C-alpha atoms as a PDB file:
ATOM      1  CA  GLN A   1       0.000   0.000   0.000  1.00  0.00           C
ATOM      2  CA  VAL A   2       1.198   3.493  -0.868  1.00  0.00           C
ATOM      3  CA  GLN A   3       1.108   6.231   1.741  1.00  0.00           C
ATOM      4  CA  LEU A   4       0.850   9.902   0.827  1.00  0.00           C
ATOM      5  CA  VAL A   5       2.016  12.530   3.294  1.00  0.00           C
ATOM      6  CA  GLU A   6       1.304  16.195   2.638  1.00  0.00           C
ATOM      7  CA  SER A   7       3.064  19.045   4.428  1.00  0.00           C
ATOM      8  CA  GLY A   8       3.819  22.732   4.199  1.00  0.00           C
ATOM      9  CA  GLY A   9       0.441  24.240   4.958  1.00  0.00           C
ATOM     10  CA  GLY A  10      -0.157  26.989   7.459  1.00  0.00           C
ATOM     11  CA  LEU A  11      -1.713  30.346   8.162  1.00  0.00           C
ATOM     12  CA  VAL A  12      -0.765  33.148   5.794  1.00  0.00           C
ATOM     13  CA  GLN A  13      -2.056  36.594   4.997  1.00  0.00           C
ATOM     14  CA  ALA A  14      -3.674  37.353   1.672  1.00  0.00           C
ATOM     15  CA  GLY A  15      -0.997  37.942  -0.931  1.00  0.00           C
ATOM     16  CA  GLY A  16       1.422  35.590   0.766  1.00  0.00           C
ATOM     17  CA  SER A  17       3.014  32.386  -0.450  1.00  0.00           C
ATOM     18  CA  LEU A  18       3.372  28.778   0.622  1.00  0.00           C
ATOM     19  CA  ARG A  19       4.999  25.683  -0.810  1.00  0.00           C
ATOM     20  CA  LEU A  20       3.307  22.368  -0.242  1.00  0.00           C
ATOM     21  CA  SER A  21       5.014  19.000  -0.493  1.00  0.00           C
ATOM     22  CA  CYS A  22       3.593  15.534  -0.903  1.00  0.00           C
ATOM     23  CA  THR A  23       5.738  12.427  -0.624  1.00  0.00           C
ATOM     24  CA  ALA A  24       4.708   8.926  -1.575  1.00  0.00           C
ATOM     25  CA  SER A  25       6.144   5.921   0.203  1.00  0.00           C
ATOM     26  CA  GLY A  26       5.362   2.284   0.874  1.00  0.00           C
ATOM     27  CA  SER A  27       4.673  -0.495  -1.583  1.00  0.00           C
ATOM     28  CA  MET A  28       6.038   0.965  -4.784  1.00  0.00           C
ATOM     29  CA  TYR A  29       8.228  -0.756  -7.313  1.00  0.00           C
ATOM     30  CA  SER A  30      11.202   1.145  -8.632  1.00  0.00           C
ATOM     31  CA  GLY A  31      10.088   3.864 -10.997  1.00  0.00           C
ATOM     32  CA  MET A  32       6.441   3.551 -10.110  1.00  0.00           C
ATOM     33  CA  PHE A  33       6.051   7.139  -8.988  1.00  0.00           C
ATOM     34  CA  ARG A  34       7.599   8.645 -12.099  1.00  0.00           C
ATOM     35  CA  ILE A  35       5.013   7.122 -14.427  1.00  0.00           C
ATOM     36  CA  LYS A  36       2.068   8.492 -12.489  1.00  0.00           C
ATOM     37  CA  THR A  37       0.191  11.639 -13.395  1.00  0.00           C
ATOM     38  CA  MET A  38      -0.053  13.403 -10.048  1.00  0.00           C
ATOM     39  CA  GLY A  39      -2.477  16.014  -8.898  1.00  0.00           C
ATOM     40  CA  TRP A  40      -3.094  18.430  -6.094  1.00  0.00           C
ATOM     41  CA  TYR A  41      -6.627  18.730  -4.815  1.00  0.00           C
ATOM     42  CA  ARG A  42      -8.332  20.830  -2.186  1.00  0.00           C
ATOM     43  CA  GLN A  43     -11.465  20.681  -0.119  1.00  0.00           C
ATOM     44  CA  ALA A  44     -12.936  23.729   1.580  1.00  0.00           C
ATOM     45  CA  PRO A  45     -15.474  23.435   4.405  1.00  0.00           C
ATOM     46  CA  GLY A  46     -18.866  22.451   3.067  1.00  0.00           C
ATOM     47  CA  LYS A  47     -17.577  21.945  -0.456  1.00  0.00           C
ATOM     48  CA  GLU A  48     -16.567  18.980  -2.562  1.00  0.00           C
ATOM     49  CA  ARG A  49     -12.951  18.134  -3.218  1.00  0.00           C
ATOM     50  CA  GLU A  50     -11.718  19.825  -6.390  1.00  0.00           C
ATOM     51  CA  SER A  51      -8.699  19.447  -8.635  1.00  0.00           C
ATOM     52  CA  VAL A  52      -6.218  22.300  -8.416  1.00  0.00           C
ATOM     53  CA  ALA A  53      -3.252  21.260 -10.532  1.00  0.00           C
ATOM     54  CA  VAL A  54      -1.945  18.257 -12.430  1.00  0.00           C
ATOM     55  CA  VAL A  55       1.524  17.233 -13.599  1.00  0.00           C
ATOM     56  CA  THR A  56       2.027  14.363 -16.033  1.00  0.00           C
ATOM     57  CA  ARG A  57       4.883  11.900 -16.164  1.00  0.00           C
ATOM     58  CA  ASP A  58       6.417  14.101 -18.869  1.00  0.00           C
ATOM     59  CA  GLY A  59       6.166  17.248 -16.777  1.00  0.00           C
ATOM     60  CA  ASN A  60       3.206  18.755 -18.576  1.00  0.00           C
ATOM     61  CA  THR A  61       0.980  20.754 -16.273  1.00  0.00           C
ATOM     62  CA  ASN A  62      -2.627  21.860 -16.107  1.00  0.00           C
ATOM     63  CA  TYR A  63      -4.370  24.149 -13.634  1.00  0.00           C
ATOM     64  CA  ALA A  64      -7.824  25.060 -12.483  1.00  0.00           C
ATOM     65  CA  ASP A  65      -8.835  28.474 -13.780  1.00  0.00           C
ATOM     66  CA  SER A  66      -9.067  29.777 -10.222  1.00  0.00           C
ATOM     67  CA  VAL A  67      -5.340  29.233  -9.574  1.00  0.00           C
ATOM     68  CA  LYS A  68      -3.845  29.680 -13.021  1.00  0.00           C
ATOM     69  CA  GLY A  69      -0.940  32.122 -12.948  1.00  0.00           C
ATOM     70  CA  ARG A  70      -0.622  31.899  -9.169  1.00  0.00           C
ATOM     71  CA  PHE A  71       0.128  28.222  -8.447  1.00  0.00           C
ATOM     72  CA  THR A  72       2.899  26.047  -9.874  1.00  0.00           C
ATOM     73  CA  ILE A  73       3.000  22.283  -9.640  1.00  0.00           C
ATOM     74  CA  SER A  74       6.269  20.394  -9.969  1.00  0.00           C
ATOM     75  CA  ARG A  75       7.703  17.002  -9.163  1.00  0.00           C
ATOM     76  CA  ASP A  76      10.940  15.357  -8.085  1.00  0.00           C
ATOM     77  CA  ASN A  77      10.739  11.729  -9.128  1.00  0.00           C
ATOM     78  CA  ALA A  78      13.964  10.861  -7.331  1.00  0.00           C
ATOM     79  CA  LYS A  79      12.249  11.834  -4.080  1.00  0.00           C
ATOM     80  CA  ASN A  80       8.783  10.504  -4.971  1.00  0.00           C
ATOM     81  CA  THR A  81       7.553  14.001  -4.209  1.00  0.00           C
ATOM     82  CA  VAL A  82       5.227  16.488  -5.835  1.00  0.00           C
ATOM     83  CA  TYR A  83       5.163  20.172  -4.900  1.00  0.00           C
ATOM     84  CA  LEU A  84       2.692  23.012  -5.142  1.00  0.00           C
ATOM     85  CA  ARG A  85       4.044  26.512  -5.032  1.00  0.00           C
ATOM     86  CA  MET A  86       1.240  28.931  -4.184  1.00  0.00           C
ATOM     87  CA  ASN A  87       1.698  32.671  -4.667  1.00  0.00           C
ATOM     88  CA  SER A  88      -0.676  35.605  -4.299  1.00  0.00           C
ATOM     89  CA  LEU A  89      -2.866  33.591  -1.994  1.00  0.00           C
ATOM     90  CA  LYS A  90      -6.475  34.631  -1.517  1.00  0.00           C
ATOM     91  CA  PRO A  91      -8.913  33.881   1.310  1.00  0.00           C
ATOM     92  CA  GLU A  92     -10.848  31.644  -1.088  1.00  0.00           C
ATOM     93  CA  ASP A  93      -7.782  29.397  -1.327  1.00  0.00           C
ATOM     94  CA  THR A  94      -8.427  28.330   2.265  1.00  0.00           C
ATOM     95  CA  ALA A  95      -8.875  24.551   2.281  1.00  0.00           C
ATOM     96  CA  VAL A  96      -7.273  21.254   3.126  1.00  0.00           C
ATOM     97  CA  TYR A  97      -4.901  20.336   0.324  1.00  0.00           C
ATOM     98  CA  TYR A  98      -4.252  16.772  -0.789  1.00  0.00           C
ATOM     99  CA  CYS A  99      -2.231  15.069  -3.465  1.00  0.00           C
ATOM    100  CA  ASN A 100      -2.945  11.815  -5.272  1.00  0.00           C
ATOM    101  CA  THR A 101      -2.599  10.086  -8.564  1.00  0.00           C
ATOM    102  CA  VAL A 102      -5.085  11.350 -11.105  1.00  0.00           C
ATOM    103  CA  ALA A 103      -6.006   7.786 -12.007  1.00  0.00           C
ATOM    104  CA  GLY A 104      -6.812   6.997  -8.394  1.00  0.00           C
ATOM    105  CA  GLY A 105      -5.994   3.828  -6.551  1.00  0.00           C
ATOM    106  CA  TRP A 106      -3.880   5.282  -3.770  1.00  0.00           C
ATOM    107  CA  ALA A 107      -5.370   6.031  -0.384  1.00  0.00           C
ATOM    108  CA  TRP A 108      -5.790   9.687   0.415  1.00  0.00           C
ATOM    109  CA  GLY A 109      -3.444  11.182   2.965  1.00  0.00           C
ATOM    110  CA  GLN A 110      -4.487  13.448   5.802  1.00  0.00           C
ATOM    111  CA  GLY A 111      -3.859  16.564   3.802  1.00  0.00           C
ATOM    112  CA  THR A 112      -2.366  19.848   4.912  1.00  0.00           C
ATOM    113  CA  GLN A 113      -4.438  22.826   6.043  1.00  0.00           C
ATOM    114  CA  VAL A 114      -3.983  26.133   4.257  1.00  0.00           C
ATOM    115  CA  THR A 115      -5.646  29.150   5.819  1.00  0.00           C
ATOM    116  CA  VAL A 116      -5.471  32.539   4.151  1.00  0.00           C
ATOM    117  CA  SER A 117      -6.550  35.517   6.206  1.00  0.00           C
ATOM    118  CA  SER A 118      -7.858  38.719   4.660  1.00  0.00           C
END
């Protein structure tokens, strides 16, 4: 079983920045992580989980319109880690942030809380 551990969240004022990390570990064969399309997701109170950003095995990226130009997703396959750099944060970015494979199949981690104050 693969475990996902997210970190890097916190409380920040509007306009601030954070960098989130998500590391996969556990039952993975060599090279397994690098072939996965990985995504960052978020869930705000009372709302459904939504996709924020995606990075393919080739490094191609895609973003939700709400974060385009402000967030940057990247990956380090040697570390089985995906990152989310978040700039110009807004109060509406407040949520618990998770990572996972886009195809699914890995258990969700506990996420990391991001709170943006106005």
